[in-house]
Amino acid sequence: MVKSNRTISLMGEIFYDLRTQRNFRLTDFEKVGLSKSSLSDFESGKSILRFDKLDAALELMHIEVSEFEYFFNNYHSDYFVEICDEIEDANYMQDTVKLKAINSEAGKYDNEQGNRMIFLATQNLLYGLTEREEVEVTDLMFNIEVWSYFELSILSFVVEHLNTRLTLSLMKDFWKENLHYLKVKKYREKIVQMALAYLNIFLQVLQ
């Protein structure tokens, strides 16, 4: 899910509040590789920060990433994250009744991108995707600029069932840009899941 302007703006506002509350100046973050201008642009909602840069800036202020997410979730519903956890549990328990309920509910509101991604993920786990749906999911994944737990979860639910060549290309791009997510436990667990799925796909290609 590409971050909306409002989402980027909220992240910047929260960071600004935390920074000023703890009496940090913009120039204080130069020691972790963040220029005054790039941080100012982030706080004003003009640009986003790479995850590793945001992590370094928060660490300088002695703030955990999970704490920042908590503040952010006061403004931005963590509904999708909770649903992804429910999908994970239902899939593990092979609870098709629960998966169908989530699929049906998401289908009612799938004009909104988050619900559409949940619908497609559960559709895949239950029935598999049509060729058109595979293309849609792949396009959504390739357009993600900043990966959150939600997007990682969606990818883990569909990665094994997408076009092999496109999946390998997508995963190659992901590993190249996002290894810094391994620092965060819940992200790391999802990445391990995807790594195993990626390995399985790669081995199938070799056969």
C-alpha atoms as a PDB file:
ATOM      1  CA  MET A   1       0.000   0.000   0.000  1.00  0.00           C
ATOM      2  CA  VAL A   2       1.548   3.244  -1.059  1.00  0.00           C
ATOM      3  CA  LYS A   3       1.503   5.710   1.785  1.00  0.00           C
ATOM      4  CA  SER A   4      -1.105   8.437   1.323  1.00  0.00           C
ATOM      5  CA  ASN A   5      -0.170  12.095   1.755  1.00  0.00           C
ATOM      6  CA  ARG A   6      -2.239  12.180   4.937  1.00  0.00           C
ATOM      7  CA  THR A   7      -0.389   9.177   6.356  1.00  0.00           C
ATOM      8  CA  ILE A   8       3.007  10.721   5.594  1.00  0.00           C
ATOM      9  CA  SER A   9       1.831  14.000   7.111  1.00  0.00           C
ATOM     10  CA  LEU A  10       0.700  12.276  10.323  1.00  0.00           C
ATOM     11  CA  MET A  11       4.000  10.441  10.677  1.00  0.00           C
ATOM     12  CA  GLY A  12       5.867  13.721  10.324  1.00  0.00           C
ATOM     13  CA  GLU A  13       3.605  15.489  12.805  1.00  0.00           C
ATOM     14  CA  ILE A  14       4.096  12.771  15.409  1.00  0.00           C
ATOM     15  CA  PHE A  15       7.858  12.801  14.918  1.00  0.00           C
ATOM     16  CA  TYR A  16       7.895  16.597  15.283  1.00  0.00           C
ATOM     17  CA  ASP A  17       5.899  16.420  18.521  1.00  0.00           C
ATOM     18  CA  LEU A  18       8.255  13.798  19.963  1.00  0.00           C
ATOM     19  CA  ARG A  19      11.369  15.687  18.868  1.00  0.00           C
ATOM     20  CA  THR A  20      10.307  19.039  20.279  1.00  0.00           C
ATOM     21  CA  GLN A  21       8.961  17.460  23.459  1.00  0.00           C
ATOM     22  CA  ARG A  22      12.402  15.947  24.085  1.00  0.00           C
ATOM     23  CA  ASN A  23      14.219  19.150  23.137  1.00  0.00           C
ATOM     24  CA  PHE A  24      16.071  17.806  20.108  1.00  0.00           C
ATOM     25  CA  ARG A  25      17.060  20.223  17.350  1.00  0.00           C
ATOM     26  CA  LEU A  26      16.936  19.339  13.670  1.00  0.00           C
ATOM     27  CA  THR A  27      20.713  19.578  13.521  1.00  0.00           C
ATOM     28  CA  ASP A  28      21.071  16.966  16.291  1.00  0.00           C
ATOM     29  CA  PHE A  29      20.132  14.260  13.802  1.00  0.00           C
ATOM     30  CA  GLU A  30      23.027  14.959  11.462  1.00  0.00           C
ATOM     31  CA  LYS A  31      25.068  12.531  13.564  1.00  0.00           C
ATOM     32  CA  VAL A  32      22.811   9.685  12.351  1.00  0.00           C
ATOM     33  CA  GLY A  33      22.962  10.786   8.722  1.00  0.00           C
ATOM     34  CA  LEU A  34      19.837  12.942   8.550  1.00  0.00           C
ATOM     35  CA  SER A  35      20.246  16.441   7.172  1.00  0.00           C
ATOM     36  CA  LYS A  36      18.260  19.331   8.588  1.00  0.00           C
ATOM     37  CA  SER A  37      16.412  19.785   5.292  1.00  0.00           C
ATOM     38  CA  SER A  38      15.419  16.122   4.842  1.00  0.00           C
ATOM     39  CA  LEU A  39      14.105  15.898   8.399  1.00  0.00           C
ATOM     40  CA  SER A  40      12.241  19.181   8.023  1.00  0.00           C
ATOM     41  CA  ASP A  41      10.638  17.882   4.820  1.00  0.00           C
ATOM     42  CA  PHE A  42       9.569  14.721   6.662  1.00  0.00           C
ATOM     43  CA  GLU A  43       8.036  16.656   9.542  1.00  0.00           C
ATOM     44  CA  SER A  44       6.107  18.907   7.167  1.00  0.00           C
ATOM     45  CA  GLY A  45       4.760  15.945   5.184  1.00  0.00           C
ATOM     46  CA  LYS A  46       6.704  16.706   2.007  1.00  0.00           C
ATOM     47  CA  SER A  47       8.643  13.433   1.954  1.00  0.00           C
ATOM     48  CA  ILE A  48       9.021  10.115   3.749  1.00  0.00           C
ATOM     49  CA  LEU A  49      12.014   8.632   5.560  1.00  0.00           C
ATOM     50  CA  ARG A  50      13.479   5.235   4.838  1.00  0.00           C
ATOM     51  CA  PHE A  51      12.791   2.839   7.687  1.00  0.00           C
ATOM     52  CA  ASP A  52      16.458   2.599   8.708  1.00  0.00           C
ATOM     53  CA  LYS A  53      16.727   6.405   8.875  1.00  0.00           C
ATOM     54  CA  LEU A  54      13.548   6.686  10.947  1.00  0.00           C
ATOM     55  CA  ASP A  55      14.788   3.895  13.217  1.00  0.00           C
ATOM     56  CA  ALA A  56      18.127   5.673  13.734  1.00  0.00           C
ATOM     57  CA  ALA A  57      16.402   8.985  14.480  1.00  0.00           C
ATOM     58  CA  LEU A  58      14.064   7.374  17.010  1.00  0.00           C
ATOM     59  CA  GLU A  59      16.951   5.522  18.623  1.00  0.00           C
ATOM     60  CA  LEU A  60      18.773   8.822  19.088  1.00  0.00           C
ATOM     61  CA  MET A  61      15.760  10.053  21.076  1.00  0.00           C
ATOM     62  CA  HIS A  62      15.581   6.730  22.982  1.00  0.00           C
ATOM     63  CA  ILE A  63      12.221   5.873  21.433  1.00  0.00           C
ATOM     64  CA  GLU A  64      11.395   2.330  20.288  1.00  0.00           C
ATOM     65  CA  VAL A  65       9.879   1.821  16.842  1.00  0.00           C
ATOM     66  CA  SER A  66       6.969   0.039  18.538  1.00  0.00           C
ATOM     67  CA  GLU A  67       6.392   3.132  20.695  1.00  0.00           C
ATOM     68  CA  PHE A  68       6.294   5.348  17.609  1.00  0.00           C
ATOM     69  CA  GLU A  69       3.812   2.927  16.025  1.00  0.00           C
ATOM     70  CA  TYR A  70       1.684   3.145  19.159  1.00  0.00           C
ATOM     71  CA  PHE A  71       1.483   6.937  18.859  1.00  0.00           C
ATOM     72  CA  PHE A  72       0.762   6.642  15.146  1.00  0.00           C
ATOM     73  CA  ASN A  73      -2.020   4.131  15.737  1.00  0.00           C
ATOM     74  CA  ASN A  74      -3.805   6.661  17.923  1.00  0.00           C
ATOM     75  CA  TYR A  75      -4.420   8.521  14.659  1.00  0.00           C
ATOM     76  CA  HIS A  76      -4.332   5.708  12.130  1.00  0.00           C
ATOM     77  CA  SER A  77      -6.422   2.638  12.901  1.00  0.00           C
ATOM     78  CA  ASP A  78      -4.485  -0.579  13.471  1.00  0.00           C
ATOM     79  CA  TYR A  79      -7.566  -2.493  12.309  1.00  0.00           C
ATOM     80  CA  PHE A  80      -5.717  -3.905   9.312  1.00  0.00           C
ATOM     81  CA  VAL A  81      -2.862  -5.173  11.475  1.00  0.00           C
ATOM     82  CA  GLU A  82      -5.326  -6.923  13.792  1.00  0.00           C
ATOM     83  CA  ILE A  83      -7.106  -8.475  10.818  1.00  0.00           C
ATOM     84  CA  CYS A  84      -3.799  -9.751   9.431  1.00  0.00           C
ATOM     85  CA  ASP A  85      -3.063 -11.420  12.761  1.00  0.00           C
ATOM     86  CA  GLU A  86      -6.520 -13.027  12.654  1.00  0.00           C
ATOM     87  CA  ILE A  87      -5.850 -14.262   9.114  1.00  0.00           C
ATOM     88  CA  GLU A  88      -2.505 -15.676  10.236  1.00  0.00           C
ATOM     89  CA  ASP A  89      -4.120 -17.587  13.106  1.00  0.00           C
ATOM     90  CA  ALA A  90      -7.069 -18.800  11.024  1.00  0.00           C
ATOM     91  CA  ASN A  91      -4.805 -19.993   8.235  1.00  0.00           C
ATOM     92  CA  TYR A  92      -2.550 -21.843  10.676  1.00  0.00           C
ATOM     93  CA  MET A  93      -5.580 -23.522  12.291  1.00  0.00           C
ATOM     94  CA  GLN A  94      -7.150 -24.151   8.866  1.00  0.00           C
ATOM     95  CA  ASP A  95     -10.228 -22.299  10.085  1.00  0.00           C
ATOM     96  CA  THR A  96     -11.943 -21.721   6.749  1.00  0.00           C
ATOM     97  CA  VAL A  97     -15.087 -20.402   8.455  1.00  0.00           C
ATOM     98  CA  LYS A  98     -13.098 -17.530   9.948  1.00  0.00           C
ATOM     99  CA  LEU A  99     -11.243 -16.876   6.694  1.00  0.00           C
ATOM    100  CA  LYS A 100     -14.528 -16.784   4.773  1.00  0.00           C
ATOM    101  CA  ALA A 101     -15.985 -14.324   7.288  1.00  0.00           C
ATOM    102  CA  ILE A 102     -12.982 -11.995   6.907  1.00  0.00           C
ATOM    103  CA  ASN A 103     -13.100 -12.390   3.135  1.00  0.00           C
ATOM    104  CA  SER A 104     -16.800 -11.568   3.015  1.00  0.00           C
ATOM    105  CA  GLU A 105     -16.463  -8.511   5.270  1.00  0.00           C
ATOM    106  CA  ALA A 106     -13.493  -7.131   3.332  1.00  0.00           C
ATOM    107  CA  GLY A 107     -15.341  -7.710   0.068  1.00  0.00           C
ATOM    108  CA  LYS A 108     -18.072  -5.287   1.158  1.00  0.00           C
ATOM    109  CA  TYR A 109     -15.572  -2.422   1.331  1.00  0.00           C
ATOM    110  CA  ASP A 110     -12.985  -3.419  -1.252  1.00  0.00           C
ATOM    111  CA  ASN A 111     -13.130  -0.035  -2.962  1.00  0.00           C
ATOM    112  CA  GLU A 112     -10.717   0.966  -0.174  1.00  0.00           C
ATOM    113  CA  GLN A 113      -7.208  -0.334  -0.881  1.00  0.00           C
ATOM    114  CA  GLY A 114      -6.522  -1.854   2.540  1.00  0.00           C
ATOM    115  CA  ASN A 115      -9.731  -3.871   2.466  1.00  0.00           C
ATOM    116  CA  ARG A 116      -9.068  -4.819  -1.142  1.00  0.00           C
ATOM    117  CA  MET A 117      -5.677  -6.258  -0.167  1.00  0.00           C
ATOM    118  CA  ILE A 118      -7.263  -8.210   2.697  1.00  0.00           C
ATOM    119  CA  PHE A 119      -9.942  -9.523   0.343  1.00  0.00           C
ATOM    120  CA  LEU A 120      -7.355 -10.673  -2.205  1.00  0.00           C
ATOM    121  CA  ALA A 121      -5.156 -12.269   0.468  1.00  0.00           C
ATOM    122  CA  THR A 122      -8.013 -14.297   1.950  1.00  0.00           C
ATOM    123  CA  GLN A 123      -9.343 -15.053  -1.526  1.00  0.00           C
ATOM    124  CA  ASN A 124      -5.960 -16.565  -2.322  1.00  0.00           C
ATOM    125  CA  LEU A 125      -5.815 -18.643   0.862  1.00  0.00           C
ATOM    126  CA  LEU A 126      -9.346 -19.944   0.331  1.00  0.00           C
ATOM    127  CA  TYR A 127      -9.737 -20.359  -3.405  1.00  0.00           C
ATOM    128  CA  GLY A 128      -6.625 -19.165  -5.200  1.00  0.00           C
ATOM    129  CA  LEU A 129      -6.472 -16.064  -7.386  1.00  0.00           C
ATOM    130  CA  THR A 130      -7.649 -15.572 -10.932  1.00  0.00           C
ATOM    131  CA  GLU A 131      -5.078 -14.374 -13.453  1.00  0.00           C
ATOM    132  CA  ARG A 132      -6.564 -10.888 -13.257  1.00  0.00           C
ATOM    133  CA  GLU A 133      -6.364 -10.871  -9.459  1.00  0.00           C
ATOM    134  CA  GLU A 134      -2.745 -12.060  -9.589  1.00  0.00           C
ATOM    135  CA  VAL A 135      -1.864  -9.123 -11.806  1.00  0.00           C
ATOM    136  CA  GLU A 136      -3.683  -6.768  -9.434  1.00  0.00           C
ATOM    137  CA  VAL A 137      -1.836  -8.081  -6.369  1.00  0.00           C
ATOM    138  CA  THR A 138       1.514  -7.962  -8.143  1.00  0.00           C
ATOM    139  CA  ASP A 139       0.922  -4.360  -9.217  1.00  0.00           C
ATOM    140  CA  LEU A 140      -0.007  -3.417  -5.657  1.00  0.00           C
ATOM    141  CA  MET A 141       3.145  -5.047  -4.279  1.00  0.00           C
ATOM    142  CA  PHE A 142       5.471  -3.415  -6.815  1.00  0.00           C
ATOM    143  CA  ASN A 143       3.991   0.010  -6.014  1.00  0.00           C
ATOM    144  CA  ILE A 144       4.724  -0.159  -2.290  1.00  0.00           C
ATOM    145  CA  GLU A 145       7.250   2.491  -1.275  1.00  0.00           C
ATOM    146  CA  VAL A 146       7.292   2.002   2.483  1.00  0.00           C
ATOM    147  CA  TRP A 147       6.591  -1.467   3.859  1.00  0.00           C
ATOM    148  CA  SER A 148       4.685  -1.727   7.125  1.00  0.00           C
ATOM    149  CA  TYR A 149       3.677  -4.858   9.014  1.00  0.00           C
ATOM    150  CA  PHE A 150       0.405  -4.821   7.094  1.00  0.00           C
ATOM    151  CA  GLU A 151       2.015  -4.961   3.649  1.00  0.00           C
ATOM    152  CA  LEU A 152       4.501  -7.603   4.792  1.00  0.00           C
ATOM    153  CA  SER A 153       1.611  -9.713   6.070  1.00  0.00           C
ATOM    154  CA  ILE A 154      -0.321  -9.422   2.812  1.00  0.00           C
ATOM    155  CA  LEU A 155       2.758 -10.419   0.819  1.00  0.00           C
ATOM    156  CA  SER A 156       3.340 -13.438   3.060  1.00  0.00           C
ATOM    157  CA  PHE A 157      -0.241 -14.607   2.366  1.00  0.00           C
ATOM    158  CA  VAL A 158       0.116 -14.465  -1.421  1.00  0.00           C
ATOM    159  CA  VAL A 159       3.800 -14.797  -2.308  1.00  0.00           C
ATOM    160  CA  GLU A 160       3.785 -18.536  -3.007  1.00  0.00           C
ATOM    161  CA  HIS A 161       0.885 -18.297  -5.437  1.00  0.00           C
ATOM    162  CA  LEU A 162       1.964 -15.466  -7.713  1.00  0.00           C
ATOM    163  CA  ASN A 163       3.659 -15.716 -11.088  1.00  0.00           C
ATOM    164  CA  THR A 164       7.088 -17.227 -10.382  1.00  0.00           C
ATOM    165  CA  ARG A 165       9.153 -14.821 -12.464  1.00  0.00           C
ATOM    166  CA  LEU A 166       7.374 -11.743 -11.100  1.00  0.00           C
ATOM    167  CA  THR A 167       7.638 -13.082  -7.561  1.00  0.00           C
ATOM    168  CA  LEU A 168      11.388 -13.575  -7.881  1.00  0.00           C
ATOM    169  CA  SER A 169      11.738 -10.039  -9.234  1.00  0.00           C
ATOM    170  CA  LEU A 170       9.592  -8.621  -6.434  1.00  0.00           C
ATOM    171  CA  MET A 171      11.487 -10.491  -3.731  1.00  0.00           C
ATOM    172  CA  LYS A 172      14.840  -9.460  -5.198  1.00  0.00           C
ATOM    173  CA  ASP A 173      13.805  -5.801  -5.010  1.00  0.00           C
ATOM    174  CA  PHE A 174      12.498  -6.293  -1.496  1.00  0.00           C
ATOM    175  CA  TRP A 175      15.697  -7.886  -0.151  1.00  0.00           C
ATOM    176  CA  LYS A 176      17.821  -5.215  -1.782  1.00  0.00           C
ATOM    177  CA  GLU A 177      16.016  -2.342  -0.091  1.00  0.00           C
ATOM    178  CA  ASN A 178      14.523  -3.674   3.139  1.00  0.00           C
ATOM    179  CA  LEU A 179      16.950  -5.807   5.144  1.00  0.00           C
ATOM    180  CA  HIS A 180      16.849  -3.129   7.867  1.00  0.00           C
ATOM    181  CA  TYR A 181      13.427  -4.487   8.855  1.00  0.00           C
ATOM    182  CA  LEU A 182      15.221  -7.454  10.427  1.00  0.00           C
ATOM    183  CA  LYS A 183      15.918  -5.215  13.431  1.00  0.00           C
ATOM    184  CA  VAL A 184      12.249  -5.336  14.461  1.00  0.00           C
ATOM    185  CA  LYS A 185      11.007  -8.664  15.858  1.00  0.00           C
ATOM    186  CA  LYS A 186       7.520  -8.795  14.371  1.00  0.00           C
ATOM    187  CA  TYR A 187       8.850  -7.679  10.983  1.00  0.00           C
ATOM    188  CA  ARG A 188      11.623 -10.262  11.222  1.00  0.00           C
ATOM    189  CA  GLU A 189       9.110 -13.076  11.746  1.00  0.00           C
ATOM    190  CA  LYS A 190       7.255 -12.099   8.576  1.00  0.00           C
ATOM    191  CA  ILE A 191      10.485 -11.797   6.615  1.00  0.00           C
ATOM    192  CA  VAL A 192      11.537 -15.295   7.704  1.00  0.00           C
ATOM    193  CA  GLN A 193       8.176 -16.606   6.449  1.00  0.00           C
ATOM    194  CA  MET A 194       8.728 -14.922   3.110  1.00  0.00           C
ATOM    195  CA  ALA A 195      12.324 -16.130   2.912  1.00  0.00           C
ATOM    196  CA  LEU A 196      11.144 -19.716   3.264  1.00  0.00           C
ATOM    197  CA  ALA A 197       8.462 -19.172   0.639  1.00  0.00           C
ATOM    198  CA  TYR A 198      11.011 -17.508  -1.645  1.00  0.00           C
ATOM    199  CA  LEU A 199      13.389 -20.437  -1.206  1.00  0.00           C
ATOM    200  CA  ASN A 200      10.606 -22.867  -2.078  1.00  0.00           C
ATOM    201  CA  ILE A 201       9.802 -20.916  -5.253  1.00  0.00           C
ATOM    202  CA  PHE A 202      13.477 -20.722  -6.216  1.00  0.00           C
ATOM    203  CA  LEU A 203      13.924 -24.476  -5.782  1.00  0.00           C
ATOM    204  CA  GLN A 204      10.867 -25.123  -7.949  1.00  0.00           C
ATOM    205  CA  VAL A 205      12.383 -22.979 -10.703  1.00  0.00           C
ATOM    206  CA  LEU A 206      15.598 -25.020 -10.577  1.00  0.00           C
ATOM    207  CA  GLN A 207      13.761 -28.329 -10.930  1.00  0.00           C
END
